[in-house]
Amino acid sequence: QLRLTESGGGSVQAGGPLSPSCAASGFRYSAYHMAWFRQPPGKEREGVATSGTNVRTAYAEFVKGRFTTPRDNTKNTRYLQMNSLKPEDTAMYYCAAAPATKVPVVAALRLSRYDYDTWGQGTQVTVSS
């Protein structure tokens, strides 16, 4: 059974770092595009960052230069390294996966939630000013 489990969220002051992680199980991790999405309070879920199976990455404009998303295929784990956090980064952060056999890389890099069919339960990130 495909499963994604996020951890490492929390509360931090503006300007600080946080690095949630996403552990995958039940599938061949390297065969899936892996992404992070977030859902701020009262808003739609939006794409944050993704790493395709060919290692190409894509980031939303509002996190470029502040977030990176390394993946460790040996540990079936994906990370979201967040620096210079802002209060507007407060949201529930979700890890998501899309099979490379069904979703081409170019589609995965668009960071549309509709291309990802496996989701974690989310981890809360709260940034105070």
C-alpha atoms as a PDB file:
ATOM      1  CA  GLN A   1       0.000   0.000   0.000  1.00  0.00           C
ATOM      2  CA  LEU A   2       1.365   3.375  -1.014  1.00  0.00           C
ATOM      3  CA  ARG A   3       1.902   5.584   1.989  1.00  0.00           C
ATOM      4  CA  LEU A   4       3.429   9.002   2.653  1.00  0.00           C
ATOM      5  CA  THR A   5       4.110  10.252   6.173  1.00  0.00           C
ATOM      6  CA  GLU A   6       5.156  13.820   6.887  1.00  0.00           C
ATOM      7  CA  SER A   7       6.910  14.952  10.041  1.00  0.00           C
ATOM      8  CA  GLY A   8       9.021  17.833  11.266  1.00  0.00           C
ATOM      9  CA  GLY A   9       6.561  20.683  11.069  1.00  0.00           C
ATOM     10  CA  GLY A  10       6.214  23.087  13.972  1.00  0.00           C
ATOM     11  CA  SER A  11       6.278  26.706  15.067  1.00  0.00           C
ATOM     12  CA  VAL A  12       9.080  29.112  14.259  1.00  0.00           C
ATOM     13  CA  GLN A  13       9.692  32.835  14.275  1.00  0.00           C
ATOM     14  CA  ALA A  14       9.896  34.785  11.055  1.00  0.00           C
ATOM     15  CA  GLY A  15      13.300  34.493   9.452  1.00  0.00           C
ATOM     16  CA  GLY A  16      13.974  31.090  10.925  1.00  0.00           C
ATOM     17  CA  PRO A  17      14.382  27.677   9.259  1.00  0.00           C
ATOM     18  CA  LEU A  18      12.356  24.476   9.366  1.00  0.00           C
ATOM     19  CA  SER A  19      12.837  21.186   7.529  1.00  0.00           C
ATOM     20  CA  PRO A  20       9.893  18.820   7.425  1.00  0.00           C
ATOM     21  CA  SER A  21      10.411  15.409   5.879  1.00  0.00           C
ATOM     22  CA  CYS A  22       8.260  12.898   4.039  1.00  0.00           C
ATOM     23  CA  ALA A  23       8.829   9.162   4.376  1.00  0.00           C
ATOM     24  CA  ALA A  24       7.479   6.935   1.618  1.00  0.00           C
ATOM     25  CA  SER A  25       6.604   3.271   1.849  1.00  0.00           C
ATOM     26  CA  GLY A  26       4.845   0.616  -0.178  1.00  0.00           C
ATOM     27  CA  PHE A  27       6.155   1.632  -3.601  1.00  0.00           C
ATOM     28  CA  ARG A  28       9.328   2.033  -5.576  1.00  0.00           C
ATOM     29  CA  TYR A  29      10.215   5.527  -4.507  1.00  0.00           C
ATOM     30  CA  SER A  30      12.528   6.316  -7.415  1.00  0.00           C
ATOM     31  CA  ALA A  31       9.700   5.691  -9.903  1.00  0.00           C
ATOM     32  CA  TYR A  32       7.572   8.546  -8.566  1.00  0.00           C
ATOM     33  CA  HIS A  33       7.657  12.300  -8.873  1.00  0.00           C
ATOM     34  CA  MET A  34       7.565  13.755  -5.381  1.00  0.00           C
ATOM     35  CA  ALA A  35       6.167  17.139  -4.463  1.00  0.00           C
ATOM     36  CA  TRP A  36       5.232  19.403  -1.597  1.00  0.00           C
ATOM     37  CA  PHE A  37       1.988  21.331  -1.475  1.00  0.00           C
ATOM     38  CA  ARG A  38       0.566  23.592   1.170  1.00  0.00           C
ATOM     39  CA  GLN A  39      -2.821  24.863   2.205  1.00  0.00           C
ATOM     40  CA  PRO A  40      -2.926  28.146   4.120  1.00  0.00           C
ATOM     41  CA  PRO A  41      -5.919  28.728   6.395  1.00  0.00           C
ATOM     42  CA  GLY A  42      -9.013  29.460   4.342  1.00  0.00           C
ATOM     43  CA  LYS A  43      -7.215  29.086   1.009  1.00  0.00           C
ATOM     44  CA  GLU A  44      -6.806  26.551  -1.774  1.00  0.00           C
ATOM     45  CA  ARG A  45      -4.045  23.964  -1.776  1.00  0.00           C
ATOM     46  CA  GLU A  46      -1.066  25.211  -3.790  1.00  0.00           C
ATOM     47  CA  GLY A  47       2.115  23.693  -5.136  1.00  0.00           C
ATOM     48  CA  VAL A  48       5.379  24.547  -3.377  1.00  0.00           C
ATOM     49  CA  ALA A  49       8.145  22.381  -4.842  1.00  0.00           C
ATOM     50  CA  THR A  50       8.635  19.193  -6.794  1.00  0.00           C
ATOM     51  CA  SER A  51      11.375  16.860  -7.869  1.00  0.00           C
ATOM     52  CA  GLY A  52      10.800  14.702 -10.907  1.00  0.00           C
ATOM     53  CA  THR A  53      12.212  11.229 -11.366  1.00  0.00           C
ATOM     54  CA  ASN A  54      14.835  12.745 -13.680  1.00  0.00           C
ATOM     55  CA  VAL A  55      15.992  14.933 -10.747  1.00  0.00           C
ATOM     56  CA  ARG A  56      14.709  18.142 -12.315  1.00  0.00           C
ATOM     57  CA  THR A  57      13.070  20.403  -9.767  1.00  0.00           C
ATOM     58  CA  ALA A  58      10.506  23.163  -9.871  1.00  0.00           C
ATOM     59  CA  TYR A  59       9.542  25.722  -7.265  1.00  0.00           C
ATOM     60  CA  ALA A  60       6.673  28.112  -6.822  1.00  0.00           C
ATOM     61  CA  GLU A  61       7.714  31.730  -7.292  1.00  0.00           C
ATOM     62  CA  PHE A  62       6.907  32.610  -3.716  1.00  0.00           C
ATOM     63  CA  VAL A  63       9.530  30.164  -2.341  1.00  0.00           C
ATOM     64  CA  LYS A  64      12.313  30.455  -4.894  1.00  0.00           C
ATOM     65  CA  GLY A  65      15.613  31.211  -3.237  1.00  0.00           C
ATOM     66  CA  ARG A  66      14.269  30.209   0.188  1.00  0.00           C
ATOM     67  CA  PHE A  67      13.161  26.563  -0.102  1.00  0.00           C
ATOM     68  CA  THR A  68      14.862  23.487  -1.501  1.00  0.00           C
ATOM     69  CA  THR A  69      13.583  19.943  -1.771  1.00  0.00           C
ATOM     70  CA  PRO A  70      16.306  17.312  -1.649  1.00  0.00           C
ATOM     71  CA  ARG A  71      15.347  13.676  -1.861  1.00  0.00           C
ATOM     72  CA  ASP A  72      17.203  10.660  -0.560  1.00  0.00           C
ATOM     73  CA  ASN A  73      16.254   7.629  -2.623  1.00  0.00           C
ATOM     74  CA  THR A  74      18.245   5.327  -0.337  1.00  0.00           C
ATOM     75  CA  LYS A  75      15.983   6.287   2.579  1.00  0.00           C
ATOM     76  CA  ASN A  76      12.772   6.745   0.564  1.00  0.00           C
ATOM     77  CA  THR A  77      12.569  10.194   2.070  1.00  0.00           C
ATOM     78  CA  ARG A  78      11.996  13.638   0.670  1.00  0.00           C
ATOM     79  CA  TYR A  79      12.751  16.866   2.566  1.00  0.00           C
ATOM     80  CA  LEU A  80      11.551  20.432   2.367  1.00  0.00           C
ATOM     81  CA  GLN A  81      14.294  22.718   3.604  1.00  0.00           C
ATOM     82  CA  MET A  82      12.702  26.064   4.358  1.00  0.00           C
ATOM     83  CA  ASN A  83      14.763  29.144   5.155  1.00  0.00           C
ATOM     84  CA  SER A  84      13.871  32.784   5.759  1.00  0.00           C
ATOM     85  CA  LEU A  85      10.340  31.806   6.697  1.00  0.00           C
ATOM     86  CA  LYS A  86       7.597  34.421   6.597  1.00  0.00           C
ATOM     87  CA  PRO A  87       4.254  34.575   8.410  1.00  0.00           C
ATOM     88  CA  GLU A  88       2.537  34.010   5.051  1.00  0.00           C
ATOM     89  CA  ASP A  89       4.255  30.608   4.856  1.00  0.00           C
ATOM     90  CA  THR A  90       1.950  29.443   7.652  1.00  0.00           C
ATOM     91  CA  ALA A  91       0.020  26.467   6.295  1.00  0.00           C
ATOM     92  CA  MET A  92      -0.543  22.736   6.428  1.00  0.00           C
ATOM     93  CA  TYR A  93       2.186  21.186   4.300  1.00  0.00           C
ATOM     94  CA  TYR A  94       1.505  18.002   2.352  1.00  0.00           C
ATOM     95  CA  CYS A  95       3.759  15.555   0.617  1.00  0.00           C
ATOM     96  CA  ALA A  96       2.435  14.046  -2.636  1.00  0.00           C
ATOM     97  CA  ALA A  97       3.513  11.475  -5.208  1.00  0.00           C
ATOM     98  CA  ALA A  98       2.750  10.887  -8.873  1.00  0.00           C
ATOM     99  CA  PRO A  99       3.800   7.744 -10.783  1.00  0.00           C
ATOM    100  CA  ALA A 100       6.214   8.462 -13.612  1.00  0.00           C
ATOM    101  CA  THR A 101       4.478   5.760 -15.685  1.00  0.00           C
ATOM    102  CA  LYS A 102       1.319   7.893 -15.793  1.00  0.00           C
ATOM    103  CA  VAL A 103       2.517  11.469 -15.370  1.00  0.00           C
ATOM    104  CA  PRO A 104       5.289  12.814 -17.602  1.00  0.00           C
ATOM    105  CA  VAL A 105       7.956  14.955 -15.999  1.00  0.00           C
ATOM    106  CA  VAL A 106       6.804  18.115 -17.758  1.00  0.00           C
ATOM    107  CA  ALA A 107       3.364  17.691 -16.170  1.00  0.00           C
ATOM    108  CA  ALA A 108       4.753  16.916 -12.725  1.00  0.00           C
ATOM    109  CA  LEU A 109       6.859  20.060 -12.797  1.00  0.00           C
ATOM    110  CA  ARG A 110       3.755  22.190 -13.323  1.00  0.00           C
ATOM    111  CA  LEU A 111       2.903  21.504  -9.672  1.00  0.00           C
ATOM    112  CA  SER A 112      -0.762  20.898 -10.260  1.00  0.00           C
ATOM    113  CA  ARG A 113      -2.368  18.994  -7.413  1.00  0.00           C
ATOM    114  CA  TYR A 114      -4.522  17.113  -9.930  1.00  0.00           C
ATOM    115  CA  ASP A 115      -1.485  15.233 -11.270  1.00  0.00           C
ATOM    116  CA  TYR A 116      -0.639  13.771  -7.852  1.00  0.00           C
ATOM    117  CA  ASP A 117      -2.688  10.846  -6.609  1.00  0.00           C
ATOM    118  CA  THR A 118      -1.006   9.838  -3.341  1.00  0.00           C
ATOM    119  CA  TRP A 119      -1.015  12.209  -0.384  1.00  0.00           C
ATOM    120  CA  GLY A 120       0.272  12.302   3.176  1.00  0.00           C
ATOM    121  CA  GLN A 121      -1.756  13.484   6.146  1.00  0.00           C
ATOM    122  CA  GLY A 122       0.068  16.818   6.345  1.00  0.00           C
ATOM    123  CA  THR A 123       2.246  18.605   8.875  1.00  0.00           C
ATOM    124  CA  GLN A 124       1.469  22.042  10.275  1.00  0.00           C
ATOM    125  CA  VAL A 125       3.948  24.896   9.884  1.00  0.00           C
ATOM    126  CA  THR A 126       3.289  28.108  11.792  1.00  0.00           C
ATOM    127  CA  VAL A 127       5.453  31.194  11.385  1.00  0.00           C
ATOM    128  CA  SER A 128       5.047  34.029  13.858  1.00  0.00           C
ATOM    129  CA  SER A 129       6.095  37.609  13.281  1.00  0.00           C
END
